[in-house]
Amino acid sequence: MDLFKMFSKNDNSKDIAKERLKLVLIHDRANVSPQFLEMIKGEILSVISDYMEIDEEGLEIKLTRTKRDVDGASVPALVANIPIRKMKDERKF
């Protein structure tokens, strides 16, 4: 979820409202700001990019809630869908 994408002139108002609602829901679920989530996304991309080439167009990182197996309590979960184009040469590491 790219904050700058929300303000693109190519999006219609329905898509913009949908993205804004997603940001509000994420903030409410995890009690973190959208800027903090973007910072996490950047850090994850930085680390993973050392080992593989990723497709940032298909990238999706979001916060959601999941239930623990032990006690069934609902806890925040970071869910990442990161399409990999190719692995980098292992001999460099």
PDB file of N, CA and C in Angstrom:
ATOM      1  N   MET A   1       0.838  -1.155   0.000  1.00  0.00           N
ATOM      2  CA  MET A   1       0.000   0.000   0.000  1.00  0.00           C
ATOM      3  C   MET A   1       0.891   1.228   0.000  1.00  0.00           C
ATOM      4  N   ASP A   2       0.845   1.979  -1.060  1.00  0.00           N
ATOM      5  CA  ASP A   2       1.692   3.146  -1.219  1.00  0.00           C
ATOM      6  C   ASP A   2       0.903   4.405  -0.911  1.00  0.00           C
ATOM      7  N   LEU A   3       1.364   5.194   0.041  1.00  0.00           N
ATOM      8  CA  LEU A   3       0.648   6.409   0.421  1.00  0.00           C
ATOM      9  C   LEU A   3       0.543   7.389  -0.744  1.00  0.00           C
ATOM     10  N   PHE A   4       1.583   7.477  -1.556  1.00  0.00           N
ATOM     11  CA  PHE A   4       1.572   8.414  -2.669  1.00  0.00           C
ATOM     12  C   PHE A   4       0.631   7.968  -3.772  1.00  0.00           C
ATOM     13  N   LYS A   5       0.382   6.679  -3.870  1.00  0.00           N
ATOM     14  CA  LYS A   5      -0.519   6.133  -4.885  1.00  0.00           C
ATOM     15  C   LYS A   5      -1.943   6.646  -4.672  1.00  0.00           C
ATOM     16  N   MET A   6      -2.295   6.908  -3.416  1.00  0.00           N
ATOM     17  CA  MET A   6      -3.644   7.372  -3.112  1.00  0.00           C
ATOM     18  C   MET A   6      -3.952   8.706  -3.778  1.00  0.00           C
ATOM     19  N   PHE A   7      -2.939   9.515  -3.994  1.00  0.00           N
ATOM     20  CA  PHE A   7      -3.163  10.846  -4.509  1.00  0.00           C
ATOM     21  C   PHE A   7      -2.903  10.957  -6.015  1.00  0.00           C
ATOM     22  N   SER A   8      -2.747   9.824  -6.664  1.00  0.00           N
ATOM     23  CA  SER A   8      -2.548   9.801  -8.105  1.00  0.00           C
ATOM     24  C   SER A   8      -3.822  10.268  -8.803  1.00  0.00           C
ATOM     25  N   LYS A   9      -3.687  11.030  -9.863  1.00  0.00           N
ATOM     26  CA  LYS A   9      -4.843  11.538 -10.594  1.00  0.00           C
ATOM     27  C   LYS A   9      -5.530  10.447 -11.403  1.00  0.00           C
ATOM     28  N   ASN A  10      -4.919   9.285 -11.576  1.00  0.00           N
ATOM     29  CA  ASN A  10      -5.498   8.203 -12.351  1.00  0.00           C
ATOM     30  C   ASN A  10      -6.539   7.397 -11.580  1.00  0.00           C
ATOM     31  N   ASP A  11      -6.550   7.490 -10.264  1.00  0.00           N
ATOM     32  CA  ASP A  11      -7.499   6.745  -9.448  1.00  0.00           C
ATOM     33  C   ASP A  11      -8.819   7.491  -9.382  1.00  0.00           C
ATOM     34  N   ASN A  12      -9.926   6.723  -9.339  1.00  0.00           N
ATOM     35  CA  ASN A  12     -11.207   7.382  -9.149  1.00  0.00           C
ATOM     36  C   ASN A  12     -11.487   7.516  -7.663  1.00  0.00           C
ATOM     37  N   SER A  13     -12.501   8.270  -7.304  1.00  0.00           N
ATOM     38  CA  SER A  13     -12.757   8.564  -5.890  1.00  0.00           C
ATOM     39  C   SER A  13     -13.088   7.313  -5.086  1.00  0.00           C
ATOM     40  N   LYS A  14     -13.708   6.313  -5.710  1.00  0.00           N
ATOM     41  CA  LYS A  14     -14.024   5.066  -5.009  1.00  0.00           C
ATOM     42  C   LYS A  14     -12.747   4.355  -4.568  1.00  0.00           C
ATOM     43  N   ASP A  15     -11.770   4.282  -5.455  1.00  0.00           N
ATOM     44  CA  ASP A  15     -10.499   3.622  -5.130  1.00  0.00           C
ATOM     45  C   ASP A  15      -9.734   4.390  -4.049  1.00  0.00           C
ATOM     46  N   ILE A  16      -9.775   5.702  -4.122  1.00  0.00           N
ATOM     47  CA  ILE A  16      -9.092   6.524  -3.118  1.00  0.00           C
ATOM     48  C   ILE A  16      -9.734   6.321  -1.751  1.00  0.00           C
ATOM     49  N   ALA A  17     -11.053   6.329  -1.711  1.00  0.00           N
ATOM     50  CA  ALA A  17     -11.760   6.123  -0.443  1.00  0.00           C
ATOM     51  C   ALA A  17     -11.470   4.740   0.122  1.00  0.00           C
ATOM     52  N   LYS A  18     -11.391   3.748  -0.741  1.00  0.00           N
ATOM     53  CA  LYS A  18     -11.095   2.376  -0.308  1.00  0.00           C
ATOM     54  C   LYS A  18      -9.701   2.296   0.316  1.00  0.00           C
ATOM     55  N   GLU A  19      -8.698   2.911  -0.307  1.00  0.00           N
ATOM     56  CA  GLU A  19      -7.338   2.909   0.229  1.00  0.00           C
ATOM     57  C   GLU A  19      -7.267   3.644   1.561  1.00  0.00           C
ATOM     58  N   ARG A  20      -7.966   4.761   1.664  1.00  0.00           N
ATOM     59  CA  ARG A  20      -7.976   5.509   2.927  1.00  0.00           C
ATOM     60  C   ARG A  20      -8.628   4.700   4.038  1.00  0.00           C
ATOM     61  N   LEU A  21      -9.704   4.006   3.719  1.00  0.00           N
ATOM     62  CA  LEU A  21     -10.369   3.160   4.707  1.00  0.00           C
ATOM     63  C   LEU A  21      -9.446   2.044   5.172  1.00  0.00           C
ATOM     64  N   LYS A  22      -8.700   1.458   4.245  1.00  0.00           N
ATOM     65  CA  LYS A  22      -7.733   0.419   4.614  1.00  0.00           C
ATOM     66  C   LYS A  22      -6.715   0.955   5.616  1.00  0.00           C
ATOM     67  N   LEU A  23      -6.217   2.154   5.369  1.00  0.00           N
ATOM     68  CA  LEU A  23      -5.236   2.756   6.277  1.00  0.00           C
ATOM     69  C   LEU A  23      -5.832   2.980   7.662  1.00  0.00           C
ATOM     70  N   VAL A  24      -7.072   3.441   7.720  1.00  0.00           N
ATOM     71  CA  VAL A  24      -7.731   3.667   9.004  1.00  0.00           C
ATOM     72  C   VAL A  24      -7.913   2.347   9.747  1.00  0.00           C
ATOM     73  N   LEU A  25      -8.346   1.306   9.036  1.00  0.00           N
ATOM     74  CA  LEU A  25      -8.547  -0.001   9.663  1.00  0.00           C
ATOM     75  C   LEU A  25      -7.234  -0.583  10.184  1.00  0.00           C
ATOM     76  N   ILE A  26      -6.175  -0.435   9.420  1.00  0.00           N
ATOM     77  CA  ILE A  26      -4.869  -0.924   9.855  1.00  0.00           C
ATOM     78  C   ILE A  26      -4.446  -0.212  11.138  1.00  0.00           C
ATOM     79  N   HIS A  27      -4.624   1.085  11.148  1.00  0.00           N
ATOM     80  CA  HIS A  27      -4.247   1.848  12.340  1.00  0.00           C
ATOM     81  C   HIS A  27      -5.051   1.380  13.553  1.00  0.00           C
ATOM     82  N   ASP A  28      -6.337   1.193  13.375  1.00  0.00           N
ATOM     83  CA  ASP A  28      -7.193   0.758  14.485  1.00  0.00           C
ATOM     84  C   ASP A  28      -6.835  -0.640  14.968  1.00  0.00           C
ATOM     85  N   ARG A  29      -6.542  -1.533  14.053  1.00  0.00           N
ATOM     86  CA  ARG A  29      -6.258  -2.924  14.424  1.00  0.00           C
ATOM     87  C   ARG A  29      -4.964  -3.079  15.191  1.00  0.00           C
ATOM     88  N   ALA A  30      -3.952  -2.366  14.794  1.00  0.00           N
ATOM     89  CA  ALA A  30      -2.629  -2.582  15.388  1.00  0.00           C
ATOM     90  C   ALA A  30      -2.140  -1.405  16.215  1.00  0.00           C
ATOM     91  N   ASN A  31      -2.901  -0.345  16.230  1.00  0.00           N
ATOM     92  CA  ASN A  31      -2.523   0.849  16.967  1.00  0.00           C
ATOM     93  C   ASN A  31      -1.162   1.392  16.504  1.00  0.00           C
ATOM     94  N   VAL A  32      -0.947   1.365  15.183  1.00  0.00           N
ATOM     95  CA  VAL A  32       0.253   1.950  14.580  1.00  0.00           C
ATOM     96  C   VAL A  32      -0.171   2.902  13.465  1.00  0.00           C
ATOM     97  N   SER A  33       0.637   3.876  13.185  1.00  0.00           N
ATOM     98  CA  SER A  33       0.317   4.842  12.142  1.00  0.00           C
ATOM     99  C   SER A  33       0.609   4.256  10.762  1.00  0.00           C
ATOM    100  N   PRO A  34      -0.045   4.766   9.733  1.00  0.00           N
ATOM    101  CA  PRO A  34       0.256   4.333   8.368  1.00  0.00           C
ATOM    102  C   PRO A  34       1.721   4.572   8.003  1.00  0.00           C
ATOM    103  N   GLN A  35       2.303   5.643   8.532  1.00  0.00           N
ATOM    104  CA  GLN A  35       3.710   5.939   8.257  1.00  0.00           C
ATOM    105  C   GLN A  35       4.611   4.864   8.855  1.00  0.00           C
ATOM    106  N   PHE A  36       4.242   4.365  10.034  1.00  0.00           N
ATOM    107  CA  PHE A  36       5.010   3.299  10.668  1.00  0.00           C
ATOM    108  C   PHE A  36       4.934   2.029   9.830  1.00  0.00           C
ATOM    109  N   LEU A  37       3.760   1.711   9.308  1.00  0.00           N
ATOM    110  CA  LEU A  37       3.606   0.539   8.453  1.00  0.00           C
ATOM    111  C   LEU A  37       4.434   0.678   7.180  1.00  0.00           C
ATOM    112  N   GLU A  38       4.465   1.867   6.591  1.00  0.00           N
ATOM    113  CA  GLU A  38       5.296   2.100   5.405  1.00  0.00           C
ATOM    114  C   GLU A  38       6.778   1.945   5.740  1.00  0.00           C
ATOM    115  N   MET A  39       7.180   2.370   6.944  1.00  0.00           N
ATOM    116  CA  MET A  39       8.568   2.216   7.376  1.00  0.00           C
ATOM    117  C   MET A  39       8.918   0.730   7.497  1.00  0.00           C
ATOM    118  N   ILE A  40       8.027  -0.061   8.077  1.00  0.00           N
ATOM    119  CA  ILE A  40       8.238  -1.506   8.192  1.00  0.00           C
ATOM    120  C   ILE A  40       8.367  -2.125   6.805  1.00  0.00           C
ATOM    121  N   LYS A  41       7.479  -1.738   5.907  1.00  0.00           N
ATOM    122  CA  LYS A  41       7.504  -2.247   4.535  1.00  0.00           C
ATOM    123  C   LYS A  41       8.859  -1.951   3.882  1.00  0.00           C
ATOM    124  N   GLY A  42       9.361  -0.725   4.053  1.00  0.00           N
ATOM    125  CA  GLY A  42      10.655  -0.353   3.486  1.00  0.00           C
ATOM    126  C   GLY A  42      11.795  -1.176   4.049  1.00  0.00           C
ATOM    127  N   GLU A  43      11.761  -1.413   5.354  1.00  0.00           N
ATOM    128  CA  GLU A  43      12.806  -2.220   5.998  1.00  0.00           C
ATOM    129  C   GLU A  43      12.782  -3.661   5.488  1.00  0.00           C
ATOM    130  N   ILE A  44      11.594  -4.233   5.387  1.00  0.00           N
ATOM    131  CA  ILE A  44      11.466  -5.609   4.888  1.00  0.00           C
ATOM    132  C   ILE A  44      11.997  -5.704   3.463  1.00  0.00           C
ATOM    133  N   LEU A  45      11.610  -4.762   2.613  1.00  0.00           N
ATOM    134  CA  LEU A  45      12.085  -4.757   1.227  1.00  0.00           C
ATOM    135  C   LEU A  45      13.601  -4.623   1.151  1.00  0.00           C
ATOM    136  N   SER A  46      14.165  -3.802   2.003  1.00  0.00           N
ATOM    137  CA  SER A  46      15.611  -3.605   2.017  1.00  0.00           C
ATOM    138  C   SER A  46      16.349  -4.905   2.329  1.00  0.00           C
ATOM    139  N   VAL A  47      15.890  -5.612   3.344  1.00  0.00           N
ATOM    140  CA  VAL A  47      16.552  -6.866   3.746  1.00  0.00           C
ATOM    141  C   VAL A  47      16.366  -7.943   2.677  1.00  0.00           C
ATOM    142  N   ILE A  48      15.153  -8.120   2.207  1.00  0.00           N
ATOM    143  CA  ILE A  48      14.877  -9.179   1.234  1.00  0.00           C
ATOM    144  C   ILE A  48      15.597  -8.912  -0.087  1.00  0.00           C
ATOM    145  N   SER A  49      15.714  -7.646  -0.459  1.00  0.00           N
ATOM    146  CA  SER A  49      16.367  -7.288  -1.723  1.00  0.00           C
ATOM    147  C   SER A  49      17.839  -7.683  -1.762  1.00  0.00           C
ATOM    148  N   ASP A  50      18.450  -7.907  -0.605  1.00  0.00           N
ATOM    149  CA  ASP A  50      19.833  -8.376  -0.572  1.00  0.00           C
ATOM    150  C   ASP A  50      19.956  -9.803  -1.106  1.00  0.00           C
ATOM    151  N   TYR A  51      18.876 -10.571  -1.013  1.00  0.00           N
ATOM    152  CA  TYR A  51      18.922 -11.994  -1.348  1.00  0.00           C
ATOM    153  C   TYR A  51      18.131 -12.375  -2.594  1.00  0.00           C
ATOM    154  N   MET A  52      17.172 -11.543  -2.971  1.00  0.00           N
ATOM    155  CA  MET A  52      16.355 -11.878  -4.133  1.00  0.00           C
ATOM    156  C   MET A  52      15.822 -10.621  -4.795  1.00  0.00           C
ATOM    157  N   GLU A  53      15.500 -10.776  -6.061  1.00  0.00           N
ATOM    158  CA  GLU A  53      14.887  -9.684  -6.803  1.00  0.00           C
ATOM    159  C   GLU A  53      13.381  -9.850  -6.668  1.00  0.00           C
ATOM    160  N   ILE A  54      12.725  -8.811  -6.175  1.00  0.00           N
ATOM    161  CA  ILE A  54      11.290  -8.916  -5.937  1.00  0.00           C
ATOM    162  C   ILE A  54      10.497  -8.030  -6.889  1.00  0.00           C
ATOM    163  N   ASP A  55       9.240  -8.405  -7.083  1.00  0.00           N
ATOM    164  CA  ASP A  55       8.323  -7.652  -7.934  1.00  0.00           C
ATOM    165  C   ASP A  55       7.521  -6.720  -7.036  1.00  0.00           C
ATOM    166  N   GLU A  56       7.918  -5.457  -6.981  1.00  0.00           N
ATOM    167  CA  GLU A  56       7.265  -4.510  -6.082  1.00  0.00           C
ATOM    168  C   GLU A  56       5.848  -4.162  -6.520  1.00  0.00           C
ATOM    169  N   GLU A  57       5.523  -4.377  -7.785  1.00  0.00           N
ATOM    170  CA  GLU A  57       4.166  -4.098  -8.264  1.00  0.00           C
ATOM    171  C   GLU A  57       3.144  -5.013  -7.583  1.00  0.00           C
ATOM    172  N   GLY A  58       3.506  -6.264  -7.344  1.00  0.00           N
ATOM    173  CA  GLY A  58       2.591  -7.225  -6.734  1.00  0.00           C
ATOM    174  C   GLY A  58       2.716  -7.319  -5.229  1.00  0.00           C
ATOM    175  N   LEU A  59       3.543  -6.495  -4.646  1.00  0.00           N
ATOM    176  CA  LEU A  59       3.815  -6.531  -3.212  1.00  0.00           C
ATOM    177  C   LEU A  59       2.590  -6.119  -2.409  1.00  0.00           C
ATOM    178  N   GLU A  60       2.304  -6.880  -1.365  1.00  0.00           N
ATOM    179  CA  GLU A  60       1.215  -6.531  -0.461  1.00  0.00           C
ATOM    180  C   GLU A  60       1.632  -6.872   0.965  1.00  0.00           C
ATOM    181  N   ILE A  61       1.673  -5.865   1.802  1.00  0.00           N
ATOM    182  CA  ILE A  61       2.000  -6.055   3.213  1.00  0.00           C
ATOM    183  C   ILE A  61       0.896  -5.391   4.015  1.00  0.00           C
ATOM    184  N   LYS A  62       0.303  -6.157   4.936  1.00  0.00           N
ATOM    185  CA  LYS A  62      -0.797  -5.590   5.717  1.00  0.00           C
ATOM    186  C   LYS A  62      -0.792  -6.150   7.134  1.00  0.00           C
ATOM    187  N   LEU A  63      -1.437  -5.415   8.004  1.00  0.00           N
ATOM    188  CA  LEU A  63      -1.654  -5.872   9.364  1.00  0.00           C
ATOM    189  C   LEU A  63      -3.081  -6.389   9.464  1.00  0.00           C
ATOM    190  N   THR A  64      -3.239  -7.493  10.141  1.00  0.00           N
ATOM    191  CA  THR A  64      -4.553  -8.082  10.339  1.00  0.00           C
ATOM    192  C   THR A  64      -4.601  -8.681  11.734  1.00  0.00           C
ATOM    193  N   ARG A  65      -5.646  -9.377  12.054  1.00  0.00           N
ATOM    194  CA  ARG A  65      -5.753 -10.044  13.344  1.00  0.00           C
ATOM    195  C   ARG A  65      -5.880 -11.539  13.100  1.00  0.00           C
ATOM    196  N   THR A  66      -5.291 -12.320  13.995  1.00  0.00           N
ATOM    197  CA  THR A  66      -5.368 -13.769  13.916  1.00  0.00           C
ATOM    198  C   THR A  66      -5.544 -14.320  15.322  1.00  0.00           C
ATOM    199  N   LYS A  67      -6.055 -15.531  15.402  1.00  0.00           N
ATOM    200  CA  LYS A  67      -6.249 -16.154  16.718  1.00  0.00           C
ATOM    201  C   LYS A  67      -5.093 -17.081  17.025  1.00  0.00           C
ATOM    202  N   ARG A  68      -4.635 -17.034  18.269  1.00  0.00           N
ATOM    203  CA  ARG A  68      -3.582 -17.941  18.723  1.00  0.00           C
ATOM    204  C   ARG A  68      -4.193 -19.311  18.961  1.00  0.00           C
ATOM    205  N   ASP A  69      -3.411 -20.359  18.673  1.00  0.00           N
ATOM    206  CA  ASP A  69      -3.878 -21.728  18.891  1.00  0.00           C
ATOM    207  C   ASP A  69      -4.036 -22.059  20.368  1.00  0.00           C
ATOM    208  N   VAL A  70      -3.146 -21.523  21.184  1.00  0.00           N
ATOM    209  CA  VAL A  70      -3.096 -21.888  22.598  1.00  0.00           C
ATOM    210  C   VAL A  70      -4.350 -21.445  23.352  1.00  0.00           C
ATOM    211  N   ASP A  71      -4.655 -20.158  23.301  1.00  0.00           N
ATOM    212  CA  ASP A  71      -5.769 -19.652  24.097  1.00  0.00           C
ATOM    213  C   ASP A  71      -6.886 -19.022  23.271  1.00  0.00           C
ATOM    214  N   GLY A  72      -6.735 -18.991  21.954  1.00  0.00           N
ATOM    215  CA  GLY A  72      -7.764 -18.425  21.091  1.00  0.00           C
ATOM    216  C   GLY A  72      -7.846 -16.915  21.114  1.00  0.00           C
ATOM    217  N   ALA A  73      -6.895 -16.259  21.777  1.00  0.00           N
ATOM    218  CA  ALA A  73      -6.887 -14.798  21.835  1.00  0.00           C
ATOM    219  C   ALA A  73      -6.565 -14.220  20.457  1.00  0.00           C
ATOM    220  N   SER A  74      -7.167 -13.093  20.146  1.00  0.00           N
ATOM    221  CA  SER A  74      -6.921 -12.408  18.886  1.00  0.00           C
ATOM    222  C   SER A  74      -5.699 -11.507  19.040  1.00  0.00           C
ATOM    223  N   VAL A  75      -4.720 -11.675  18.142  1.00  0.00           N
ATOM    224  CA  VAL A  75      -3.487 -10.894  18.189  1.00  0.00           C
ATOM    225  C   VAL A  75      -3.201 -10.300  16.811  1.00  0.00           C
ATOM    226  N   PRO A  76      -2.490  -9.160  16.752  1.00  0.00           N
ATOM    227  CA  PRO A  76      -2.116  -8.594  15.452  1.00  0.00           C
ATOM    228  C   PRO A  76      -1.148  -9.524  14.716  1.00  0.00           C
ATOM    229  N   ALA A  77      -1.259  -9.541  13.384  1.00  0.00           N
ATOM    230  CA  ALA A  77      -0.358 -10.336  12.556  1.00  0.00           C
ATOM    231  C   ALA A  77       0.052  -9.514  11.341  1.00  0.00           C
ATOM    232  N   LEU A  78       1.322  -9.576  10.999  1.00  0.00           N
ATOM    233  CA  LEU A  78       1.840  -8.927   9.800  1.00  0.00           C
ATOM    234  C   LEU A  78       1.821  -9.963   8.691  1.00  0.00           C
ATOM    235  N   VAL A  79       1.086  -9.681   7.623  1.00  0.00           N
ATOM    236  CA  VAL A  79       0.950 -10.613   6.507  1.00  0.00           C
ATOM    237  C   VAL A  79       1.621  -9.985   5.290  1.00  0.00           C
ATOM    238  N   ALA A  80       2.545 -10.719   4.680  1.00  0.00           N
ATOM    239  CA  ALA A  80       3.272 -10.196   3.529  1.00  0.00           C
ATOM    240  C   ALA A  80       3.167 -11.158   2.351  1.00  0.00           C
ATOM    241  N   ASN A  81       2.776 -10.630   1.210  1.00  0.00           N
ATOM    242  CA  ASN A  81       2.768 -11.361  -0.044  1.00  0.00           C
ATOM    243  C   ASN A  81       3.803 -10.665  -0.923  1.00  0.00           C
ATOM    244  N   ILE A  82       4.962 -11.320  -1.097  1.00  0.00           N
ATOM    245  CA  ILE A  82       6.085 -10.699  -1.794  1.00  0.00           C
ATOM    246  C   ILE A  82       6.472 -11.567  -2.994  1.00  0.00           C
ATOM    247  N   PRO A  83       6.024 -11.186  -4.194  1.00  0.00           N
ATOM    248  CA  PRO A  83       6.376 -11.963  -5.386  1.00  0.00           C
ATOM    249  C   PRO A  83       7.876 -11.879  -5.679  1.00  0.00           C
ATOM    250  N   ILE A  84       8.491 -13.025  -5.910  1.00  0.00           N
ATOM    251  CA  ILE A  84       9.929 -13.103  -6.175  1.00  0.00           C
ATOM    252  C   ILE A  84      10.154 -13.284  -7.669  1.00  0.00           C
ATOM    253  N   ARG A  85      10.940 -12.397  -8.251  1.00  0.00           N
ATOM    254  CA  ARG A  85      11.292 -12.540  -9.674  1.00  0.00           C
ATOM    255  C   ARG A  85      12.383 -13.589  -9.847  1.00  0.00           C
ATOM    256  N   LYS A  86      13.446 -13.465  -9.047  1.00  0.00           N
ATOM    257  CA  LYS A  86      14.528 -14.452  -9.101  1.00  0.00           C
ATOM    258  C   LYS A  86      15.404 -14.311  -7.879  1.00  0.00           C
ATOM    259  N   MET A  87      16.099 -15.372  -7.580  1.00  0.00           N
ATOM    260  CA  MET A  87      17.037 -15.390  -6.450  1.00  0.00           C
ATOM    261  C   MET A  87      18.349 -14.803  -6.937  1.00  0.00           C
ATOM    262  N   LYS A  88      19.049 -14.108  -6.043  1.00  0.00           N
ATOM    263  CA  LYS A  88      20.368 -13.572  -6.399  1.00  0.00           C
ATOM    264  C   LYS A  88      21.401 -14.667  -6.225  1.00  0.00           C
ATOM    265  N   ASP A  89      22.547 -14.474  -6.791  1.00  0.00           N
ATOM    266  CA  ASP A  89      23.630 -15.461  -6.772  1.00  0.00           C
ATOM    267  C   ASP A  89      24.069 -15.746  -5.334  1.00  0.00           C
ATOM    268  N   GLU A  90      23.918 -16.983  -4.902  1.00  0.00           N
ATOM    269  CA  GLU A  90      24.269 -17.387  -3.531  1.00  0.00           C
ATOM    270  C   GLU A  90      25.766 -17.293  -3.261  1.00  0.00           C
ATOM    271  N   ARG A  91      26.592 -17.371  -4.283  1.00  0.00           N
ATOM    272  CA  ARG A  91      28.049 -17.344  -4.094  1.00  0.00           C
ATOM    273  C   ARG A  91      28.540 -16.012  -3.579  1.00  0.00           C
ATOM    274  N   LYS A  92      27.745 -14.969  -3.689  1.00  0.00           N
ATOM    275  CA  LYS A  92      28.150 -13.646  -3.213  1.00  0.00           C
ATOM    276  C   LYS A  92      28.067 -13.542  -1.700  1.00  0.00           C
ATOM    277  N   PHE A  93      27.366 -14.477  -1.071  1.00  0.00           N
ATOM    278  CA  PHE A  93      27.130 -14.377   0.374  1.00  0.00           C
ATOM    279  C   PHE A  93      28.053 -15.238   1.128  1.00  0.00           C
TER     280      PHE A  93
END
